C-alpha atoms as a PDB file:
ATOM      1  CA  MET A   1     -40.028  21.132  -1.100  1.00  0.00           C
ATOM      2  CA  ALA A   2     -36.715  22.415  -1.059  1.00  0.00           C
ATOM      3  CA  THR A   3     -33.662  19.495  -0.781  1.00  0.00           C
ATOM      4  CA  SER A   4     -31.490  20.338   1.935  1.00  0.00           C
ATOM      5  CA  ALA A   5     -27.777  19.233   1.759  1.00  0.00           C
ATOM      6  CA  LEU A   6     -28.444  16.928   4.285  1.00  0.00           C
ATOM      7  CA  THR A   7     -30.622  14.656   2.233  1.00  0.00           C
ATOM      8  CA  VAL A   8     -28.594  14.428  -0.731  1.00  0.00           C
ATOM      9  CA  PRO A   9     -27.497  10.584  -1.599  1.00  0.00           C
ATOM     10  CA  ALA A  10     -23.977  11.114  -1.916  1.00  0.00           C
ATOM     11  CA  PHE A  11     -23.388  13.255   1.032  1.00  0.00           C
ATOM     12  CA  SER A  12     -25.378  10.966   3.279  1.00  0.00           C
ATOM     13  CA  PHE A  13     -22.903   8.081   1.632  1.00  0.00           C
ATOM     14  CA  PHE A  14     -20.070   9.595   3.047  1.00  0.00           C
ATOM     15  CA  GLN A  15     -21.466  11.191   6.121  1.00  0.00           C
ATOM     16  CA  ARG A  16     -22.789   7.623   7.231  1.00  0.00           C
ATOM     17  CA  ARG A  17     -19.496   6.318   6.826  1.00  0.00           C
ATOM     18  CA  TRP A  18     -17.702   8.839   8.733  1.00  0.00           C
ATOM     19  CA  ASN A  19     -20.011   9.065  11.466  1.00  0.00           C
ATOM     20  CA  GLY A  20     -20.008   5.309  12.083  1.00  0.00           C
ATOM     21  CA  LYS A  21     -23.257   4.557  10.946  1.00  0.00           C
ATOM     22  CA  VAL A  22     -22.058   1.926   8.275  1.00  0.00           C
ATOM     23  CA  SER A  23     -21.081  -1.609   9.804  1.00  0.00           C
ATOM     24  CA  ARG A  24     -16.984  -2.329   9.652  1.00  0.00           C
ATOM     25  CA  HIS A  25     -17.591  -5.270   7.806  1.00  0.00           C
ATOM     26  CA  ARG A  26     -19.648  -3.531   5.100  1.00  0.00           C
ATOM     27  CA  LEU A  27     -17.097  -0.589   5.303  1.00  0.00           C
ATOM     28  CA  PHE A  28     -14.178  -3.062   5.010  1.00  0.00           C
ATOM     29  CA  TRP A  29     -15.352  -5.466   2.789  1.00  0.00           C
ATOM     30  CA  TRP A  30     -17.782  -4.282   0.363  1.00  0.00           C
ATOM     31  CA  ASP A  31     -17.034  -0.533   0.309  1.00  0.00           C
ATOM     32  CA  THR A  32     -13.320  -0.970   0.543  1.00  0.00           C
ATOM     33  CA  LEU A  33     -12.137  -4.294  -0.924  1.00  0.00           C
ATOM     34  CA  ALA A  34     -14.765  -5.064  -3.526  1.00  0.00           C
ATOM     35  CA  VAL A  35     -16.063  -1.528  -4.825  1.00  0.00           C
ATOM     36  CA  ALA A  36     -12.783   0.645  -4.321  1.00  0.00           C
ATOM     37  CA  THR A  37     -10.548  -1.952  -5.728  1.00  0.00           C
ATOM     38  CA  LEU A  38     -12.651  -2.413  -8.608  1.00  0.00           C
ATOM     39  CA  LEU A  39     -12.909   1.312  -9.130  1.00  0.00           C
ATOM     40  CA  ASN A  40      -9.121   1.521  -8.919  1.00  0.00           C
ATOM     41  CA  ALA A  41      -8.344  -1.173 -11.215  1.00  0.00           C
ATOM     42  CA  THR A  42     -10.467   0.210 -13.992  1.00  0.00           C
ATOM     43  CA  LEU A  43      -8.835   3.578 -13.474  1.00  0.00           C
ATOM     44  CA  GLY A  44      -5.189   2.083 -13.280  1.00  0.00           C
ATOM     45  CA  ILE A  45      -5.674   0.167 -16.423  1.00  0.00           C
ATOM     46  CA  VAL A  46      -7.053   3.090 -18.039  1.00  0.00           C
ATOM     47  CA  SER A  47      -4.136   5.015 -16.902  1.00  0.00           C
ATOM     48  CA  LEU A  48      -1.645   2.365 -18.270  1.00  0.00           C
ATOM     49  CA  ILE A  49      -3.251   2.324 -21.563  1.00  0.00           C
ATOM     50  CA  LEU A  50      -3.023   6.094 -21.632  1.00  0.00           C
ATOM     51  CA  LEU A  51       0.645   5.592 -20.885  1.00  0.00           C
ATOM     52  CA  ALA A  52       1.319   3.143 -23.308  1.00  0.00           C
ATOM     53  CA  ARG A  53      -0.058   5.471 -26.113  1.00  0.00           C
ATOM     54  CA  GLY A  54       2.434   8.179 -24.887  1.00  0.00           C
ATOM     55  CA  LEU A  55      -0.190  10.708 -23.609  1.00  0.00           C
ATOM     56  CA  GLU A  56       2.187  13.819 -22.717  1.00  0.00           C
ATOM     57  CA  GLY A  57       2.028  15.879 -19.450  1.00  0.00           C
ATOM     58  CA  GLY A  58       1.218  13.084 -16.743  1.00  0.00           C
ATOM     59  CA  ALA A  59      -2.684  13.138 -17.461  1.00  0.00           C
ATOM     60  CA  TRP A  60      -2.230   9.463 -16.945  1.00  0.00           C
ATOM     61  CA  LEU A  61      -0.902   9.692 -13.623  1.00  0.00           C
ATOM     62  CA  LEU A  62      -3.520  12.130 -12.433  1.00  0.00           C
ATOM     63  CA  LEU A  63      -6.024   9.853 -13.739  1.00  0.00           C
ATOM     64  CA  HIS A  64      -4.105   6.778 -11.393  1.00  0.00           C
ATOM     65  CA  LEU A  65      -4.394   9.074  -8.256  1.00  0.00           C
ATOM     66  CA  LEU A  66      -7.905  10.285  -9.032  1.00  0.00           C
ATOM     67  CA  LEU A  67      -9.297   8.220  -6.202  1.00  0.00           C
ATOM     68  CA  LEU A  68      -6.472   8.728  -3.751  1.00  0.00           C
ATOM     69  CA  PRO A  69      -8.818  11.196  -1.450  1.00  0.00           C
ATOM     70  CA  TYR A  70     -11.906   8.375  -1.846  1.00  0.00           C
ATOM     71  CA  ASN A  71      -9.387   5.688  -0.801  1.00  0.00           C
ATOM     72  CA  LEU A  72      -7.982   8.038   2.042  1.00  0.00           C
ATOM     73  CA  PHE A  73     -11.416   8.604   3.368  1.00  0.00           C
ATOM     74  CA  LEU A  74     -12.588   4.938   3.654  1.00  0.00           C
ATOM     75  CA  VAL A  75      -9.235   4.085   5.512  1.00  0.00           C
ATOM     76  CA  ALA A  76      -9.869   7.016   7.935  1.00  0.00           C
ATOM     77  CA  ALA A  77     -13.365   6.056   8.174  1.00  0.00           C
ATOM     78  CA  LEU A  78     -12.446   2.267   9.108  1.00  0.00           C
ATOM     79  CA  TRP A  79      -9.846   3.704  11.517  1.00  0.00           C
ATOM     80  CA  ARG A  80     -12.589   6.011  13.371  1.00  0.00           C
ATOM     81  CA  LYS A  81     -14.797   3.048  14.102  1.00  0.00           C
ATOM     82  CA  GLU A  82     -14.231   1.973  17.838  1.00  0.00           C
ATOM     83  CA  ASP A  83     -15.257  -1.497  17.136  1.00  0.00           C
ATOM     84  CA  VAL A  84     -12.389  -2.247  14.410  1.00  0.00           C
ATOM     85  CA  GLY A  85      -9.596  -4.684  15.458  1.00  0.00           C
ATOM     86  CA  THR A  86      -5.755  -4.108  14.831  1.00  0.00           C
ATOM     87  CA  PRO A  87      -5.608  -6.820  12.159  1.00  0.00           C
ATOM     88  CA  MET A  88      -8.172  -4.981  10.082  1.00  0.00           C
ATOM     89  CA  ARG A  89      -6.956  -1.756  10.515  1.00  0.00           C
ATOM     90  CA  PHE A  90      -3.417  -2.810   9.625  1.00  0.00           C
ATOM     91  CA  ALA A  91      -5.097  -4.957   6.367  1.00  0.00           C
ATOM     92  CA  VAL A  92      -6.901  -1.743   5.392  1.00  0.00           C
ATOM     93  CA  LEU A  93      -3.524   0.224   5.507  1.00  0.00           C
ATOM     94  CA  LEU A  94      -1.746  -2.558   3.535  1.00  0.00           C
ATOM     95  CA  TRP A  95      -4.696  -2.355   0.975  1.00  0.00           C
ATOM     96  CA  LEU A  96      -3.985   1.020   0.558  1.00  0.00           C
ATOM     97  CA  ALA A  97      -0.393   0.872   0.004  1.00  0.00           C
ATOM     98  CA  LEU A  98      -0.903  -1.548  -2.607  1.00  0.00           C
ATOM     99  CA  THR A  99      -3.718   0.868  -4.344  1.00  0.00           C
ATOM    100  CA  VAL A 100      -0.916   3.756  -4.352  1.00  0.00           C
ATOM    101  CA  ALA A 101       1.647   1.387  -5.283  1.00  0.00           C
ATOM    102  CA  ILE A 102       0.183  -0.361  -8.115  1.00  0.00           C
END
Protein backbone atom coordinates (compact mmCIF):
# COMPACT_ATOMS: atom_id res chain seq x y z
CA MET A 1 0.00 0.00 0.00
CA ALA A 2 1.44 3.37 -1.01
CA THR A 3 1.89 6.09 1.59
CA SER A 4 0.47 9.45 0.62
CA ALA A 5 2.06 12.74 1.68
CA LEU A 6 -0.87 13.38 4.02
CA THR A 7 -0.03 10.41 6.24
CA VAL A 8 3.66 11.17 6.77
CA PRO A 9 4.06 11.84 10.52
CA ALA A 10 6.22 14.96 10.11
CA PHE A 11 3.76 16.47 7.65
CA SER A 12 0.88 15.62 9.95
CA PHE A 13 2.67 17.33 12.85
CA PHE A 14 2.87 20.63 10.98
CA GLN A 15 -0.54 20.27 9.33
CA ARG A 16 -2.33 19.70 12.64
CA ARG A 17 -0.74 22.75 14.24
CA TRP A 18 -1.32 25.00 11.23
CA ASN A 19 -4.98 23.97 10.92
CA GLY A 20 -5.69 24.50 14.63
CA LYS A 21 -6.18 20.83 15.49
CA VAL A 22 -3.86 21.13 18.52
CA SER A 23 -4.98 22.91 21.69
CA ARG A 24 -3.52 26.32 22.39
CA HIS A 25 -2.13 25.09 25.69
CA ARG A 26 -0.22 22.25 24.05
CA LEU A 27 0.99 24.52 21.27
CA PHE A 28 2.16 27.23 23.67
CA TRP A 29 3.36 25.35 26.74
CA TRP A 30 4.66 22.10 25.29
CA ASP A 31 5.58 22.73 21.64
CA THR A 32 6.90 26.26 22.11
CA LEU A 33 8.08 26.81 25.67
CA ALA A 34 9.28 23.27 26.40
CA VAL A 35 10.42 21.56 23.19
CA ALA A 36 11.39 24.54 21.03
CA THR A 37 13.17 26.27 23.91
CA LEU A 38 15.18 23.10 24.60
CA LEU A 39 16.09 22.78 20.91
CA ASN A 40 17.04 26.47 20.68
CA ALA A 41 19.15 26.27 23.84
CA THR A 42 20.97 23.18 22.60
CA LEU A 43 21.78 24.66 19.20
CA GLY A 44 22.68 27.98 20.85
CA ILE A 45 25.19 26.30 23.15
CA VAL A 46 26.72 24.32 20.29
CA SER A 47 26.99 27.45 18.16
CA LEU A 48 28.68 29.33 21.04
CA ILE A 49 31.16 26.48 21.42
CA LEU A 50 31.92 26.65 17.70
CA LEU A 51 32.31 30.43 17.91
CA ALA A 52 34.67 30.11 20.91
CA ARG A 53 36.77 27.60 18.99
CA GLY A 54 37.16 30.12 16.19
CA LEU A 55 35.13 28.40 13.50
CA GLU A 56 35.55 30.36 10.29
CA GLY A 57 32.85 31.64 8.01
CA GLY A 58 29.83 32.06 10.20
CA ALA A 59 28.71 28.44 10.30
CA TRP A 60 28.06 29.02 14.00
CA LEU A 61 25.55 31.76 13.11
CA LEU A 62 23.85 29.49 10.59
CA LEU A 63 23.56 26.81 13.26
CA HIS A 64 22.17 29.34 15.75
CA LEU A 65 19.51 30.49 13.26
CA LEU A 66 18.71 27.01 11.94
CA LEU A 67 15.50 26.75 13.98
CA LEU A 68 14.21 30.20 13.06
CA PRO A 69 11.73 28.87 10.44
CA TYR A 70 10.39 26.37 12.99
CA ASN A 71 10.09 29.10 15.62
CA LEU A 72 8.26 31.38 13.18
CA PHE A 73 5.94 28.51 12.28
CA LEU A 74 5.02 27.94 15.94
CA VAL A 75 4.34 31.64 16.48
CA ALA A 76 2.22 31.88 13.32
CA ALA A 77 0.30 28.70 14.21
CA LEU A 78 -0.50 30.10 17.64
CA TRP A 79 -1.55 33.49 16.24
CA ARG A 80 -3.87 31.77 13.73
CA LYS A 81 -5.90 30.13 16.49
CA GLU A 82 -9.06 32.07 17.29
CA ASP A 83 -9.21 31.08 20.96
CA VAL A 84 -5.80 32.55 21.86
CA GLY A 85 -5.94 35.66 24.00
CA THR A 86 -3.78 38.76 23.74
CA PRO A 87 -1.48 37.89 26.68
CA MET A 88 -0.54 34.54 25.14
CA ARG A 89 0.03 36.13 21.73
CA PHE A 90 2.42 38.70 23.15
CA ALA A 91 4.10 36.11 25.37
CA VAL A 92 4.93 34.01 22.32
CA LEU A 93 6.28 37.12 20.55
CA LEU A 94 8.47 37.84 23.55
CA TRP A 95 9.64 34.23 23.50
CA LEU A 96 10.52 34.58 19.80
CA ALA A 97 12.45 37.79 20.41
CA LEU A 98 14.39 36.16 23.23
CA THR A 99 15.24 33.06 21.20
CA VAL A 100 16.57 35.17 18.34
CA ALA A 101 18.46 37.58 20.61
CA ILE A 102 20.03 34.91 22.80
